[in-house]
């Protein structure tokens, strides 16, 4: 109760501050510029405008505006007792504290939203705020209805779930002590071209089909087991089932979903339980208007058509339901729809979840082996978020929400919170504004309801549009020359009479009166859009709208438009300016202030790479794209961000190792490979060093479908430590090699040096010989020893010849 009061006090304080700012901006007096001619008109101009009903207020020589701010009226001589300034008010009628636990003796009195009932008395244009608390209690009862596609392609899935009831009950007991299970099946309408209708296929649509020669006739929907805590009966019903065969690929599953939702007594939905409808299929659904192919032109009316055999009797009479009808009936009966579909059709059903509130989608294995884990994951996802919806929203009332989730930060424009744990309490501030005044005594009622909850907050609305001074109305008053009605300080003249005291008749005119019909000297009389009569402008009628104002200077059609719509349909045109409804801004009111569409999965606005403008992200980071700028392969932080997902998903390590955090932030597909392919120019190669000094490599790319894909090596690349003996031998050999090379170089240098010296010596020697041979004073010396030797040799030669 204290939290609720604090939240409401904060909202009211914020409103008062904003009102003061609007009141004083640029010194513009919006009350006087509105040219109100009655108390009721004055109150509609702005919630800060007040009306003075005092008879002698103002000067008789000037045109006095009785519509002004309270403080201005007081300064101009209006007594406080004659000032009409009604205020909006709020009253809490029922505020039972929130419950903590859902099961047990008090399960029928479980409260998950507070307050439960309040009333508002609204003055048009004034914003009134109140707080709402929501808590998902622990151990809340669960009703789960398993709706299965029994077309021929689901035969292996049927075999897999034959003991599903027992296993699923064991897992759900870990989450709730009060669990019930039901079962139904569907195929498609037994009409051509959806099914085989030839006589030979009437009893056995699989006739002549070798892979499965025997199956049951096609049917729209069969309710096989009402919700029960006897899970063995679920197994028994599944054991009895046989598949059927239809002709086209799409199935008639939406017929079955609608019947399971609206036939609540036959299905057995409990009011005080969480309703889960699991829709298991391997193909896409037929949608509204598809039935025309079989001659079905009557739209579905959203009613229950189960016959005595618990079969959908209108399958061959009504068209398939529309998405809008389906969403309406699921929300009306507080049912969470879980699409369990194969990977190939995941994106189709993912897009459908945006159109059907309270819907999630999970990937189903080809043989449904993961169905239990799929249901557990979907349950945890549903229980981890709270989203408010509004029922019976009056057209003349605008609502805006501010969510305060577990981090304690107010988020304007957001009406949902995620990443919650069972038992967490979240707060919402709801601002309400009435745009117009409906006829007197009008009362409206609307309901605020968390998606999938039975709990509601009922809000009764009345309108504070009347002025108390109207109680003292005088008909044919002498204050109005006895030809008019005096009310709230002014005269409303009878037809044919004009003037402040009804002193003029229509058609009378003079130069004095005409001067008073010009806004300033030199301007056209009555702005060229009216005629002057008895010092008052009578504005012309226009086919485009209303012309009004003291000098006919205003109208309600000369404002900015967007796509041809005045003020974009989100504001009111007042004297050439759009007065935007709550939640919209800009000159033509086409810019929404909602920011929930700009929040990325990690809770950041536009993933921290852009700004939210008019409800859409404008990415400022080069290379960033996506609805929330979440995709950016070329961003500096791309590899770092994806690295954390690789660590937690593949190795259960890193900052995001916590399962809930990892599952929330890392939703990209991760493929492990033996070798990375980096030929694609759109693929970014990333690598990082692990704690064990290994190198982990992965690639990051964005497919044309908008899907992010990470390809990572199965194991990091780790180098083996070097062998000590090998290193020693390498060092020794390197030293020897360097020594030999140095010796060879030294030898080469010495050889070159010696050869140069020898060549120089030879050159000097040659020059010396030349000089001796050419000297005329030089005579070759003859050794005596040489002559004697020569003589002895000649003598010996002669003696020999003589013998």
Foldseek 3Di string as FASTA:
>chain_A
DVVQVVLQVVVVVVLVVVVVCVCPPPNDWQQVQQQDPDQLSSLQRALQKKFFLDQPQDDPVDDDDRIGGPVVSVVSPGDPVRIFRDAKDKFQDAFDDADAAQDDPCNVVHAFKPDAEMEIAARFNRKHKGKMKGAFHAQFAEEEEEEEEQAPLQQLLLVQCLVVLVVLLVVCCVRHVHYWYFYKYAFAQLFPPWFDDPPVCQAASLPPPVVDNGFGEHAGMAGQTAIDPPSVVVSVSSVPHHGHHTRDFAGAVQVHLLQCLAVCVVNVDDLSHQAEYEYEDAGHHDAFPPCVVRPADAADPSHHQQDPRRGRPCRNHHTRHHLVSSLVSCQVRLYAYEYAYAPVCQVVVVVSCVSRDNYYYDHAPSSRNCVSVSVVVVVVQSNFKKFKDKFQDDPQKDKWKWKQAPVRDTRTQGGMDGRHDRGDMIMMMMMMRGNDADPPPDKGKMWMDIRSHSRIHIYIYHYDSDTPQQVVKDQLDVQLVSQFIRTSNFTDGDPQFDDRSSPFGFPDDDPVLQVLQDPDPPADRLNVQFDTGRNFTDGDDDPQFDQDDRSSQFTFRQFDADPPHQLPVQFTRTRHFTDGDPQFDDRSRQAGPRQPQQADLVRDRLCPQAHQTSRFTDGDFPQFDDRSSPDRQPDPCNLVLVVQLCCCVQPCDDPQSPVVSSVRRPPAAEAEDQDDDDPDPQKDKDWDADPVRFIWIKIWHADPVRGIYIYTYNDTHDDDDDDPVVVVVVVVVVVVVVVVVVVVVVVVVVVVVVVVVVVVVVVVVVVVVVVQVPDPVDDDDDDPVVVVVVVVVVVVVVVVVVD
